[in-house]
PDB file of all heavy atoms in Angstrom:
ATOM      1  N   ASN A   1       0.820  -1.219   0.000  1.00  0.00           N
ATOM      2  CA  ASN A   1       0.000   0.000   0.000  1.00  0.00           C
ATOM      3  C   ASN A   1       0.852   1.267   0.000  1.00  0.00           C
ATOM      4  O   ASN A   1       0.360   2.354   0.329  1.00  0.00           O
ATOM      5  CB  ASN A   1      -0.928   0.007   1.217  1.00  0.00           C
ATOM      6  CG  ASN A   1      -0.173   0.079   2.527  1.00  0.00           C
ATOM      7  OD1 ASN A   1       1.023  -0.202   2.584  1.00  0.00           O
ATOM      8  ND2 ASN A   1      -0.855   0.465   3.596  1.00  0.00           N
ATOM      9  N   ASP A   2       2.125   1.129  -0.356  1.00  0.00           N
ATOM     10  CA  ASP A   2       3.079   2.243  -0.474  1.00  0.00           C
ATOM     11  C   ASP A   2       3.587   2.757   0.867  1.00  0.00           C
ATOM     12  O   ASP A   2       4.349   3.729   0.902  1.00  0.00           O
ATOM     13  CB  ASP A   2       2.503   3.416  -1.283  1.00  0.00           C
ATOM     14  CG  ASP A   2       2.352   3.083  -2.762  1.00  0.00           C
ATOM     15  OD1 ASP A   2       3.112   2.236  -3.241  1.00  0.00           O
ATOM     16  OD2 ASP A   2       1.459   3.651  -3.412  1.00  0.00           O
ATOM     17  N   ASP A   3       3.186   2.150   1.970  1.00  0.00           N
ATOM     18  CA  ASP A   3       3.817   2.453   3.248  1.00  0.00           C
ATOM     19  C   ASP A   3       5.148   1.717   3.321  1.00  0.00           C
ATOM     20  O   ASP A   3       5.457   0.868   2.468  1.00  0.00           O
ATOM     21  CB  ASP A   3       2.918   2.021   4.418  1.00  0.00           C
ATOM     22  CG  ASP A   3       1.734   2.950   4.606  1.00  0.00           C
ATOM     23  OD1 ASP A   3       1.763   4.062   4.060  1.00  0.00           O
ATOM     24  OD2 ASP A   3       0.774   2.542   5.290  1.00  0.00           O
ATOM     25  N   SER A   4       5.935   2.015   4.333  1.00  0.00           N
ATOM     26  CA  SER A   4       7.211   1.326   4.499  1.00  0.00           C
ATOM     27  C   SER A   4       7.522   1.157   5.978  1.00  0.00           C
ATOM     28  O   SER A   4       7.009   1.899   6.824  1.00  0.00           O
ATOM     29  CB  SER A   4       8.341   2.084   3.798  1.00  0.00           C
ATOM     30  OG  SER A   4       8.510   3.368   4.370  1.00  0.00           O
ATOM     31  N   LEU A   5       8.353   0.190   6.275  1.00  0.00           N
ATOM     32  CA  LEU A   5       8.820  -0.068   7.634  1.00  0.00           C
ATOM     33  C   LEU A   5      10.335   0.036   7.651  1.00  0.00           C
ATOM     34  O   LEU A   5      11.014  -0.522   6.778  1.00  0.00           O
ATOM     35  CB  LEU A   5       8.416  -1.475   8.091  1.00  0.00           C
ATOM     36  CG  LEU A   5       6.933  -1.801   8.221  1.00  0.00           C
ATOM     37  CD1 LEU A   5       6.761  -3.294   8.528  1.00  0.00           C
ATOM     38  CD2 LEU A   5       6.286  -0.968   9.314  1.00  0.00           C
ATOM     39  N   ASN A   6      10.872   0.745   8.635  1.00  0.00           N
ATOM     40  CA  ASN A   6      12.321   0.792   8.835  1.00  0.00           C
ATOM     41  C   ASN A   6      12.665  -0.056  10.053  1.00  0.00           C
ATOM     42  O   ASN A   6      12.139   0.189  11.141  1.00  0.00           O
ATOM     43  CB  ASN A   6      12.792   2.232   9.037  1.00  0.00           C
ATOM     44  CG  ASN A   6      12.694   3.046   7.760  1.00  0.00           C
ATOM     45  OD1 ASN A   6      13.304   2.699   6.755  1.00  0.00           O
ATOM     46  ND2 ASN A   6      11.915   4.112   7.793  1.00  0.00           N
ATOM     47  N   ILE A   7      13.517  -1.044   9.855  1.00  0.00           N
ATOM     48  CA  ILE A   7      13.826  -2.002  10.912  1.00  0.00           C
ATOM     49  C   ILE A   7      15.335  -2.138  11.043  1.00  0.00           C
ATOM     50  O   ILE A   7      16.058  -2.164  10.045  1.00  0.00           O
ATOM     51  CB  ILE A   7      13.217  -3.389  10.608  1.00  0.00           C
ATOM     52  CG1 ILE A   7      11.715  -3.271  10.316  1.00  0.00           C
ATOM     53  CG2 ILE A   7      13.452  -4.366  11.752  1.00  0.00           C
ATOM     54  CD1 ILE A   7      11.077  -4.588   9.904  1.00  0.00           C
ATOM     55  N   ILE A   8      15.797  -2.232  12.284  1.00  0.00           N
ATOM     56  CA  ILE A   8      17.196  -2.558  12.564  1.00  0.00           C
ATOM     57  C   ILE A   8      17.277  -4.047  12.871  1.00  0.00           C
ATOM     58  O   ILE A   8      16.598  -4.534  13.767  1.00  0.00           O
ATOM     59  CB  ILE A   8      17.736  -1.742  13.755  1.00  0.00           C
ATOM     60  CG1 ILE A   8      17.610  -0.234  13.465  1.00  0.00           C
ATOM     61  CG2 ILE A   8      19.191  -2.109  14.033  1.00  0.00           C
ATOM     62  CD1 ILE A   8      18.373   0.222  12.248  1.00  0.00           C
ATOM     63  N   ILE A   9      18.090  -4.765  12.115  1.00  0.00           N
ATOM     64  CA  ILE A   9      18.156  -6.217  12.277  1.00  0.00           C
ATOM     65  C   ILE A   9      19.608  -6.673  12.432  1.00  0.00           C
ATOM     66  O   ILE A   9      20.553  -5.932  12.142  1.00  0.00           O
ATOM     67  CB  ILE A   9      17.488  -6.947  11.083  1.00  0.00           C
ATOM     68  CG1 ILE A   9      18.022  -6.399   9.726  1.00  0.00           C
ATOM     69  CG2 ILE A   9      15.978  -6.773  11.105  1.00  0.00           C
ATOM     70  CD1 ILE A   9      19.195  -7.101   9.199  1.00  0.00           C
ATOM     71  N   ASN A  10      19.767  -7.897  12.877  1.00  0.00           N
ATOM     72  CA  ASN A  10      21.087  -8.516  12.931  1.00  0.00           C
ATOM     73  C   ASN A  10      21.453  -8.990  11.534  1.00  0.00           C
ATOM     74  O   ASN A  10      20.624  -9.571  10.829  1.00  0.00           O
ATOM     75  CB  ASN A  10      21.076  -9.693  13.899  1.00  0.00           C
ATOM     76  CG  ASN A  10      22.462 -10.258  14.139  1.00  0.00           C
ATOM     77  OD1 ASN A  10      23.116 -10.766  13.227  1.00  0.00           O
ATOM     78  ND2 ASN A  10      22.924 -10.172  15.385  1.00  0.00           N
ATOM     79  N   VAL A  11      22.679  -8.747  11.122  1.00  0.00           N
ATOM     80  CA  VAL A  11      23.098  -9.064   9.761  1.00  0.00           C
ATOM     81  C   VAL A  11      22.993 -10.564   9.471  1.00  0.00           C
ATOM     82  O   VAL A  11      22.885 -10.984   8.320  1.00  0.00           O
ATOM     83  CB  VAL A  11      24.525  -8.555   9.512  1.00  0.00           C
ATOM     84  CG1 VAL A  11      25.538  -9.369  10.293  1.00  0.00           C
ATOM     85  CG2 VAL A  11      24.845  -8.555   8.018  1.00  0.00           C
ATOM     86  N   LYS A  12      23.002 -11.391  10.512  1.00  0.00           N
ATOM     87  CA  LYS A  12      22.971 -12.841  10.322  1.00  0.00           C
ATOM     88  C   LYS A  12      21.568 -13.422  10.443  1.00  0.00           C
ATOM     89  O   LYS A  12      21.389 -14.633  10.518  1.00  0.00           O
ATOM     90  CB  LYS A  12      23.900 -13.512  11.342  1.00  0.00           C
ATOM     91  CG  LYS A  12      25.360 -13.109  11.177  1.00  0.00           C
ATOM     92  CD  LYS A  12      26.241 -13.777  12.221  1.00  0.00           C
ATOM     93  CE  LYS A  12      27.695 -13.331  12.053  1.00  0.00           C
ATOM     94  NZ  LYS A  12      28.589 -13.941  13.080  1.00  0.00           N
ATOM     95  N   ILE A  13      20.575 -12.568  10.449  1.00  0.00           N
ATOM     96  CA  ILE A  13      19.201 -13.017  10.618  1.00  0.00           C
ATOM     97  C   ILE A  13      18.766 -13.871   9.428  1.00  0.00           C
ATOM     98  O   ILE A  13      19.195 -13.655   8.286  1.00  0.00           O
ATOM     99  CB  ILE A  13      18.257 -11.799  10.766  1.00  0.00           C
ATOM    100  CG1 ILE A  13      16.874 -12.209  11.261  1.00  0.00           C
ATOM    101  CG2 ILE A  13      18.124 -11.059   9.440  1.00  0.00           C
ATOM    102  CD1 ILE A  13      15.958 -11.029  11.578  1.00  0.00           C
ATOM    103  N   LEU A  14      17.935 -14.881   9.694  1.00  0.00           N
ATOM    104  CA  LEU A  14      17.339 -15.669   8.618  1.00  0.00           C
ATOM    105  C   LEU A  14      16.215 -14.867   7.963  1.00  0.00           C
ATOM    106  O   LEU A  14      15.535 -14.077   8.624  1.00  0.00           O
ATOM    107  CB  LEU A  14      16.774 -16.980   9.166  1.00  0.00           C
ATOM    108  CG  LEU A  14      17.769 -18.016   9.697  1.00  0.00           C
ATOM    109  CD1 LEU A  14      17.022 -19.182  10.336  1.00  0.00           C
ATOM    110  CD2 LEU A  14      18.674 -18.524   8.578  1.00  0.00           C
ATOM    111  N   CYS A  15      16.006 -15.089   6.689  1.00  0.00           N
ATOM    112  CA  CYS A  15      14.932 -14.386   5.976  1.00  0.00           C
ATOM    113  C   CYS A  15      13.576 -14.685   6.618  1.00  0.00           C
ATOM    114  O   CYS A  15      12.713 -13.806   6.700  1.00  0.00           O
ATOM    115  CB  CYS A  15      14.923 -14.789   4.502  1.00  0.00           C
ATOM    116  SG  CYS A  15      16.425 -14.308   3.615  1.00  0.00           S
ATOM    117  N   HIS A  16      13.402 -15.909   7.091  1.00  0.00           N
ATOM    118  CA  HIS A  16      12.150 -16.276   7.762  1.00  0.00           C
ATOM    119  C   HIS A  16      11.936 -15.446   9.017  1.00  0.00           C
ATOM    120  O   HIS A  16      10.820 -14.995   9.297  1.00  0.00           O
ATOM    121  CB  HIS A  16      12.172 -17.763   8.120  1.00  0.00           C
ATOM    122  CG  HIS A  16      11.040 -18.182   9.009  1.00  0.00           C
ATOM    123  ND1 HIS A  16       9.741 -18.279   8.561  1.00  0.00           N
ATOM    124  CD2 HIS A  16      11.001 -18.496  10.337  1.00  0.00           C
ATOM    125  CE1 HIS A  16       8.955 -18.641   9.561  1.00  0.00           C
ATOM    126  NE2 HIS A  16       9.693 -18.779  10.645  1.00  0.00           N
ATOM    127  N   GLU A  17      13.012 -15.202   9.765  1.00  0.00           N
ATOM    128  CA  GLU A  17      12.897 -14.413  10.985  1.00  0.00           C
ATOM    129  C   GLU A  17      12.513 -12.973  10.683  1.00  0.00           C
ATOM    130  O   GLU A  17      11.730 -12.363  11.411  1.00  0.00           O
ATOM    131  CB  GLU A  17      14.222 -14.467  11.760  1.00  0.00           C
ATOM    132  CG  GLU A  17      14.563 -15.859  12.279  1.00  0.00           C
ATOM    133  CD  GLU A  17      15.943 -15.922  12.909  1.00  0.00           C
ATOM    134  OE1 GLU A  17      16.891 -15.359  12.316  1.00  0.00           O
ATOM    135  OE2 GLU A  17      16.084 -16.515  13.992  1.00  0.00           O
ATOM    136  N   LEU A  18      13.051 -12.434   9.588  1.00  0.00           N
ATOM    137  CA  LEU A  18      12.681 -11.070   9.197  1.00  0.00           C
ATOM    138  C   LEU A  18      11.216 -11.018   8.778  1.00  0.00           C
ATOM    139  O   LEU A  18      10.496 -10.089   9.136  1.00  0.00           O
ATOM    140  CB  LEU A  18      13.574 -10.581   8.056  1.00  0.00           C
ATOM    141  CG  LEU A  18      13.245  -9.183   7.514  1.00  0.00           C
ATOM    142  CD1 LEU A  18      13.312  -8.136   8.628  1.00  0.00           C
ATOM    143  CD2 LEU A  18      14.183  -8.810   6.372  1.00  0.00           C
ATOM    144  N   LEU A  19      10.754 -12.024   8.036  1.00  0.00           N
ATOM    145  CA  LEU A  19       9.350 -12.064   7.619  1.00  0.00           C
ATOM    146  C   LEU A  19       8.434 -12.108   8.839  1.00  0.00           C
ATOM    147  O   LEU A  19       7.404 -11.421   8.882  1.00  0.00           O
ATOM    148  CB  LEU A  19       9.093 -13.275   6.723  1.00  0.00           C
ATOM    149  CG  LEU A  19       7.647 -13.450   6.228  1.00  0.00           C
ATOM    150  CD1 LEU A  19       7.205 -12.253   5.407  1.00  0.00           C
ATOM    151  CD2 LEU A  19       7.517 -14.736   5.419  1.00  0.00           C
ATOM    152  N   VAL A  20       8.799 -12.879   9.851  1.00  0.00           N
ATOM    153  CA  VAL A  20       8.005 -12.959  11.075  1.00  0.00           C
ATOM    154  C   VAL A  20       7.971 -11.598  11.767  1.00  0.00           C
ATOM    155  O   VAL A  20       6.923 -11.161  12.258  1.00  0.00           O
ATOM    156  CB  VAL A  20       8.576 -14.039  12.020  1.00  0.00           C
ATOM    157  CG1 VAL A  20       7.925 -13.952  13.403  1.00  0.00           C
ATOM    158  CG2 VAL A  20       8.353 -15.425  11.424  1.00  0.00           C
ATOM    159  N   GLN A  21       9.106 -10.899  11.799  1.00  0.00           N
ATOM    160  CA  GLN A  21       9.143  -9.566  12.409  1.00  0.00           C
ATOM    161  C   GLN A  21       8.208  -8.603  11.688  1.00  0.00           C
ATOM    162  O   GLN A  21       7.478  -7.836  12.320  1.00  0.00           O
ATOM    163  CB  GLN A  21      10.569  -9.011  12.374  1.00  0.00           C
ATOM    164  CG  GLN A  21      11.498  -9.570  13.430  1.00  0.00           C
ATOM    165  CD  GLN A  21      12.790  -8.773  13.532  1.00  0.00           C
ATOM    166  OE1 GLN A  21      12.795  -7.559  13.359  1.00  0.00           O
ATOM    167  NE2 GLN A  21      13.882  -9.454  13.800  1.00  0.00           N
ATOM    168  N   VAL A  22       8.239  -8.646  10.349  1.00  0.00           N
ATOM    169  CA  VAL A  22       7.382  -7.758   9.562  1.00  0.00           C
ATOM    170  C   VAL A  22       5.913  -8.056   9.839  1.00  0.00           C
ATOM    171  O   VAL A  22       5.109  -7.150  10.071  1.00  0.00           O
ATOM    172  CB  VAL A  22       7.685  -7.910   8.056  1.00  0.00           C
ATOM    173  CG1 VAL A  22       6.661  -7.144   7.213  1.00  0.00           C
ATOM    174  CG2 VAL A  22       9.095  -7.417   7.749  1.00  0.00           C
ATOM    175  N   CYS A  23       5.556  -9.339   9.847  1.00  0.00           N
ATOM    176  CA  CYS A  23       4.167  -9.722  10.096  1.00  0.00           C
ATOM    177  C   CYS A  23       3.728  -9.302  11.498  1.00  0.00           C
ATOM    178  O   CYS A  23       2.585  -8.874  11.694  1.00  0.00           O
ATOM    179  CB  CYS A  23       3.990 -11.229   9.908  1.00  0.00           C
ATOM    180  SG  CYS A  23       4.144 -11.759   8.187  1.00  0.00           S
ATOM    181  N   ASP A  24       4.629  -9.421  12.470  1.00  0.00           N
ATOM    182  CA  ASP A  24       4.301  -8.998  13.836  1.00  0.00           C
ATOM    183  C   ASP A  24       4.058  -7.491  13.897  1.00  0.00           C
ATOM    184  O   ASP A  24       3.119  -7.029  14.555  1.00  0.00           O
ATOM    185  CB  ASP A  24       5.434  -9.386  14.798  1.00  0.00           C
ATOM    186  CG  ASP A  24       5.474 -10.882  15.087  1.00  0.00           C
ATOM    187  OD1 ASP A  24       4.477 -11.571  14.782  1.00  0.00           O
ATOM    188  OD2 ASP A  24       6.496 -11.357  15.614  1.00  0.00           O
ATOM    189  N   LEU A  25       4.907  -6.718  13.220  1.00  0.00           N
ATOM    190  CA  LEU A  25       4.747  -5.269  13.223  1.00  0.00           C
ATOM    191  C   LEU A  25       3.452  -4.850  12.534  1.00  0.00           C
ATOM    192  O   LEU A  25       2.824  -3.863  12.919  1.00  0.00           O
ATOM    193  CB  LEU A  25       5.939  -4.605  12.531  1.00  0.00           C
ATOM    194  CG  LEU A  25       7.264  -4.632  13.301  1.00  0.00           C
ATOM    195  CD1 LEU A  25       8.402  -4.154  12.417  1.00  0.00           C
ATOM    196  CD2 LEU A  25       7.173  -3.754  14.552  1.00  0.00           C
ATOM    197  N   LEU A  26       3.039  -5.607  11.530  1.00  0.00           N
ATOM    198  CA  LEU A  26       1.801  -5.301  10.808  1.00  0.00           C
ATOM    199  C   LEU A  26       0.575  -5.913  11.485  1.00  0.00           C
ATOM    200  O   LEU A  26      -0.542  -5.705  11.030  1.00  0.00           O
ATOM    201  CB  LEU A  26       1.885  -5.819   9.364  1.00  0.00           C
ATOM    202  CG  LEU A  26       2.974  -5.206   8.483  1.00  0.00           C
ATOM    203  CD1 LEU A  26       2.986  -5.882   7.115  1.00  0.00           C
ATOM    204  CD2 LEU A  26       2.775  -3.711   8.328  1.00  0.00           C
TER     205      LEU A  26
END
């Protein structure tokens, strides 16, 4: 919807873990 999220993450994070973080924030 053209919104965006700015997140600070660990460089070694799994892509799945980032997806879970995004879903939690939304």
